[in-house]
């Protein structure tokens, strides 16, 4: 994951802490959707993924977790619930990323960058499982 963090910081002009926080936050959402078994397969194929996700989970435990995103993230989370479906999920992703310190513009570039990176690291069957569980990702990957 360090390779991705470096890529995100250089291409988006964000700090390493912000890149790590945003990555961990998104991957915690992925872990919640996949479940432990499939997430473990993902983490085994992407070195450093478990550590960055674990750091995000530890951070969230001290702040009320993703459910309490606070500020803009909280408003985006509420909007996600009201909108439902793909629009709601997309708003939830944006809310999670902005709560990690990304601007809306950066968030719009960060998520596709992350999921394309993961796609390049894991086997096709596992990535297809990820797409089935979180169909919103399909629109983010090239």
C-alpha atoms as a PDB file:
ATOM      1  CA  UNK A   1       0.000   0.000   0.000  1.00  0.00           C
ATOM      2  CA  UNK A   2       2.974   2.260   0.454  1.00  0.00           C
ATOM      3  CA  UNK A   3       3.304   2.332  -3.341  1.00  0.00           C
ATOM      4  CA  UNK A   4      -0.277   3.601  -3.612  1.00  0.00           C
ATOM      5  CA  UNK A   5       0.187   6.161  -0.821  1.00  0.00           C
ATOM      6  CA  UNK A   6       3.205   7.609  -2.630  1.00  0.00           C
ATOM      7  CA  UNK A   7       1.300   7.682  -5.928  1.00  0.00           C
ATOM      8  CA  UNK A   8      -1.689   9.444  -4.325  1.00  0.00           C
ATOM      9  CA  UNK A   9       0.449  12.054  -2.567  1.00  0.00           C
ATOM     10  CA  UNK A  10       2.359  12.930  -5.719  1.00  0.00           C
ATOM     11  CA  UNK A  11      -0.585  12.914  -8.139  1.00  0.00           C
ATOM     12  CA  UNK A  12      -3.145  14.618  -5.899  1.00  0.00           C
ATOM     13  CA  UNK A  13      -0.864  16.895  -3.907  1.00  0.00           C
ATOM     14  CA  UNK A  14      -2.074  15.579  -0.554  1.00  0.00           C
ATOM     15  CA  UNK A  15      -0.142  14.735   2.566  1.00  0.00           C
ATOM     16  CA  UNK A  16       0.832  11.194   3.455  1.00  0.00           C
ATOM     17  CA  UNK A  17      -1.385  11.205   6.561  1.00  0.00           C
ATOM     18  CA  UNK A  18      -4.408  12.261   4.484  1.00  0.00           C
ATOM     19  CA  UNK A  19      -3.693   9.585   1.872  1.00  0.00           C
ATOM     20  CA  UNK A  20      -3.359   6.928   4.551  1.00  0.00           C
ATOM     21  CA  UNK A  21      -6.512   8.049   6.325  1.00  0.00           C
ATOM     22  CA  UNK A  22      -8.576   8.123   3.130  1.00  0.00           C
ATOM     23  CA  UNK A  23      -7.229   4.747   2.023  1.00  0.00           C
ATOM     24  CA  UNK A  24      -7.919   3.174   5.400  1.00  0.00           C
ATOM     25  CA  UNK A  25     -11.412   4.641   5.526  1.00  0.00           C
ATOM     26  CA  UNK A  26     -12.343   3.297   2.087  1.00  0.00           C
ATOM     27  CA  UNK A  27     -10.818  -0.072   2.812  1.00  0.00           C
ATOM     28  CA  UNK A  28     -12.739  -0.313   6.084  1.00  0.00           C
ATOM     29  CA  UNK A  29     -15.928   0.203   4.062  1.00  0.00           C
ATOM     30  CA  UNK A  30     -14.761  -2.520   1.653  1.00  0.00           C
ATOM     31  CA  UNK A  31     -14.003  -4.851   4.557  1.00  0.00           C
ATOM     32  CA  UNK A  32     -17.484  -4.283   5.972  1.00  0.00           C
ATOM     33  CA  UNK A  33     -19.070  -5.181   2.609  1.00  0.00           C
ATOM     34  CA  UNK A  34     -16.842  -8.175   1.844  1.00  0.00           C
ATOM     35  CA  UNK A  35     -16.705  -9.808   5.239  1.00  0.00           C
ATOM     36  CA  UNK A  36     -13.633 -11.202   6.910  1.00  0.00           C
ATOM     37  CA  UNK A  37     -12.984 -14.182   4.599  1.00  0.00           C
ATOM     38  CA  UNK A  38     -12.904 -12.340   1.297  1.00  0.00           C
ATOM     39  CA  UNK A  39     -11.271  -9.303   2.845  1.00  0.00           C
ATOM     40  CA  UNK A  40      -8.490 -11.575   4.154  1.00  0.00           C
ATOM     41  CA  UNK A  41      -7.915 -12.820   0.589  1.00  0.00           C
ATOM     42  CA  UNK A  42      -7.733  -9.211  -0.589  1.00  0.00           C
ATOM     43  CA  UNK A  43      -5.306  -8.266   2.177  1.00  0.00           C
ATOM     44  CA  UNK A  44      -3.115 -11.266   1.358  1.00  0.00           C
ATOM     45  CA  UNK A  45      -2.751 -10.061  -2.237  1.00  0.00           C
ATOM     46  CA  UNK A  46      -2.123  -6.382  -1.423  1.00  0.00           C
ATOM     47  CA  UNK A  47       0.832  -5.975   0.972  1.00  0.00           C
ATOM     48  CA  UNK A  48       0.169  -3.447   3.721  1.00  0.00           C
ATOM     49  CA  UNK A  49      -3.603  -3.384   3.201  1.00  0.00           C
ATOM     50  CA  UNK A  50      -4.470  -5.003   6.531  1.00  0.00           C
ATOM     51  CA  UNK A  51      -2.261  -2.554   8.434  1.00  0.00           C
ATOM     52  CA  UNK A  52      -3.743   0.546   6.818  1.00  0.00           C
ATOM     53  CA  UNK A  53      -7.292  -0.754   7.337  1.00  0.00           C
ATOM     54  CA  UNK A  54      -6.505  -1.626  10.940  1.00  0.00           C
ATOM     55  CA  UNK A  55      -5.144   1.856  11.578  1.00  0.00           C
ATOM     56  CA  UNK A  56      -8.367   3.360  10.200  1.00  0.00           C
ATOM     57  CA  UNK A  57     -10.474   1.078  12.391  1.00  0.00           C
ATOM     58  CA  UNK A  58      -8.438   2.078  15.462  1.00  0.00           C
ATOM     59  CA  UNK A  59      -8.886   5.757  14.596  1.00  0.00           C
ATOM     60  CA  UNK A  60     -12.634   5.350  14.065  1.00  0.00           C
ATOM     61  CA  UNK A  61     -13.017   3.579  17.402  1.00  0.00           C
ATOM     62  CA  UNK A  62     -11.854   6.767  19.099  1.00  0.00           C
ATOM     63  CA  UNK A  63     -14.195   9.018  17.106  1.00  0.00           C
ATOM     64  CA  UNK A  64     -17.425   7.084  17.002  1.00  0.00           C
ATOM     65  CA  UNK A  65     -16.699   5.150  13.804  1.00  0.00           C
ATOM     66  CA  UNK A  66     -17.893   5.764  10.288  1.00  0.00           C
ATOM     67  CA  UNK A  67     -21.467   6.032  11.419  1.00  0.00           C
ATOM     68  CA  UNK A  68     -20.643   9.282  13.186  1.00  0.00           C
ATOM     69  CA  UNK A  69     -18.700  10.899  10.376  1.00  0.00           C
ATOM     70  CA  UNK A  70     -19.285  14.356  11.816  1.00  0.00           C
ATOM     71  CA  UNK A  71     -19.413  17.639   9.872  1.00  0.00           C
ATOM     72  CA  UNK A  72     -19.636  17.302   6.129  1.00  0.00           C
ATOM     73  CA  UNK A  73     -19.066  13.550   6.323  1.00  0.00           C
ATOM     74  CA  UNK A  74     -22.098  13.185   8.599  1.00  0.00           C
ATOM     75  CA  UNK A  75     -24.272  15.224   6.256  1.00  0.00           C
ATOM     76  CA  UNK A  76     -23.080  13.147   3.320  1.00  0.00           C
ATOM     77  CA  UNK A  77     -23.840   9.968   5.256  1.00  0.00           C
ATOM     78  CA  UNK A  78     -27.392  11.186   5.948  1.00  0.00           C
ATOM     79  CA  UNK A  79     -27.802  12.125   2.304  1.00  0.00           C
ATOM     80  CA  UNK A  80     -26.620   8.652   1.346  1.00  0.00           C
ATOM     81  CA  UNK A  81     -29.306   7.104   3.507  1.00  0.00           C
ATOM     82  CA  UNK A  82     -32.037   9.305   2.055  1.00  0.00           C
ATOM     83  CA  UNK A  83     -30.971   8.832  -1.547  1.00  0.00           C
ATOM     84  CA  UNK A  84     -30.507   5.087  -1.352  1.00  0.00           C
ATOM     85  CA  UNK A  85     -29.170   2.952  -4.174  1.00  0.00           C
ATOM     86  CA  UNK A  86     -26.150   3.966  -6.207  1.00  0.00           C
ATOM     87  CA  UNK A  87     -26.504   7.694  -5.570  1.00  0.00           C
ATOM     88  CA  UNK A  88     -26.598   7.055  -1.835  1.00  0.00           C
ATOM     89  CA  UNK A  89     -23.569   4.786  -1.964  1.00  0.00           C
ATOM     90  CA  UNK A  90     -21.620   7.303  -4.028  1.00  0.00           C
ATOM     91  CA  UNK A  91     -22.508  10.066  -1.566  1.00  0.00           C
ATOM     92  CA  UNK A  92     -21.398   7.785   1.263  1.00  0.00           C
ATOM     93  CA  UNK A  93     -18.028   7.200  -0.405  1.00  0.00           C
ATOM     94  CA  UNK A  94     -17.533  10.924  -0.955  1.00  0.00           C
ATOM     95  CA  UNK A  95     -18.548  11.631   2.633  1.00  0.00           C
ATOM     96  CA  UNK A  96     -16.057   9.097   3.949  1.00  0.00           C
ATOM     97  CA  UNK A  97     -13.278  10.579   1.843  1.00  0.00           C
ATOM     98  CA  UNK A  98     -13.999  14.200   2.760  1.00  0.00           C
ATOM     99  CA  UNK A  99     -14.062  13.216   6.427  1.00  0.00           C
ATOM    100  CA  UNK A 100     -10.519  11.938   5.873  1.00  0.00           C
ATOM    101  CA  UNK A 101      -9.365  15.382   4.759  1.00  0.00           C
ATOM    102  CA  UNK A 102      -9.800  15.280   0.978  1.00  0.00           C
ATOM    103  CA  UNK A 103     -11.535  18.029  -0.953  1.00  0.00           C
ATOM    104  CA  UNK A 104     -14.473  17.044  -3.162  1.00  0.00           C
ATOM    105  CA  UNK A 105     -12.227  17.296  -6.229  1.00  0.00           C
ATOM    106  CA  UNK A 106      -9.527  15.144  -4.630  1.00  0.00           C
ATOM    107  CA  UNK A 107     -12.125  12.598  -3.497  1.00  0.00           C
ATOM    108  CA  UNK A 108     -13.374  12.307  -7.066  1.00  0.00           C
ATOM    109  CA  UNK A 109      -9.897  11.315  -8.223  1.00  0.00           C
ATOM    110  CA  UNK A 110      -8.802   9.351  -5.161  1.00  0.00           C
ATOM    111  CA  UNK A 111     -11.397   6.547  -5.214  1.00  0.00           C
ATOM    112  CA  UNK A 112     -10.844   5.545  -8.869  1.00  0.00           C
ATOM    113  CA  UNK A 113      -7.086   5.702  -8.320  1.00  0.00           C
ATOM    114  CA  UNK A 114      -7.336   3.396  -5.291  1.00  0.00           C
ATOM    115  CA  UNK A 115      -9.625   0.830  -6.903  1.00  0.00           C
ATOM    116  CA  UNK A 116      -7.602   0.735 -10.132  1.00  0.00           C
ATOM    117  CA  UNK A 117      -4.488   0.154  -8.007  1.00  0.00           C
ATOM    118  CA  UNK A 118      -6.209  -2.704  -6.182  1.00  0.00           C
ATOM    119  CA  UNK A 119      -7.429  -4.124  -9.498  1.00  0.00           C
ATOM    120  CA  UNK A 120      -3.819  -4.240 -10.698  1.00  0.00           C
ATOM    121  CA  UNK A 121      -2.720  -6.179  -7.593  1.00  0.00           C
ATOM    122  CA  UNK A 122      -5.394  -8.860  -7.102  1.00  0.00           C
ATOM    123  CA  UNK A 123      -6.595 -11.773  -9.184  1.00  0.00           C
ATOM    124  CA  UNK A 124      -9.570 -11.152 -11.468  1.00  0.00           C
ATOM    125  CA  UNK A 125     -11.958 -13.468  -9.590  1.00  0.00           C
ATOM    126  CA  UNK A 126     -11.406 -11.666  -6.312  1.00  0.00           C
ATOM    127  CA  UNK A 127     -11.808  -8.269  -7.932  1.00  0.00           C
ATOM    128  CA  UNK A 128     -15.042  -9.444  -9.590  1.00  0.00           C
ATOM    129  CA  UNK A 129     -16.313 -10.499  -6.154  1.00  0.00           C
ATOM    130  CA  UNK A 130     -15.495  -7.011  -4.908  1.00  0.00           C
ATOM    131  CA  UNK A 131     -17.483  -5.517  -7.796  1.00  0.00           C
ATOM    132  CA  UNK A 132     -20.432  -7.792  -7.099  1.00  0.00           C
ATOM    133  CA  UNK A 133     -20.518  -6.825  -3.422  1.00  0.00           C
ATOM    134  CA  UNK A 134     -19.953  -3.116  -4.074  1.00  0.00           C
ATOM    135  CA  UNK A 135     -21.312  -2.413  -7.578  1.00  0.00           C
ATOM    136  CA  UNK A 136     -20.602   1.324  -7.262  1.00  0.00           C
ATOM    137  CA  UNK A 137     -16.916   0.535  -7.712  1.00  0.00           C
ATOM    138  CA  UNK A 138     -17.607  -0.587 -11.298  1.00  0.00           C
ATOM    139  CA  UNK A 139     -18.103   3.054 -12.304  1.00  0.00           C
ATOM    140  CA  UNK A 140     -14.775   4.019 -10.726  1.00  0.00           C
ATOM    141  CA  UNK A 141     -12.454   1.594 -12.486  1.00  0.00           C
ATOM    142  CA  UNK A 142     -11.194   1.846 -16.049  1.00  0.00           C
END
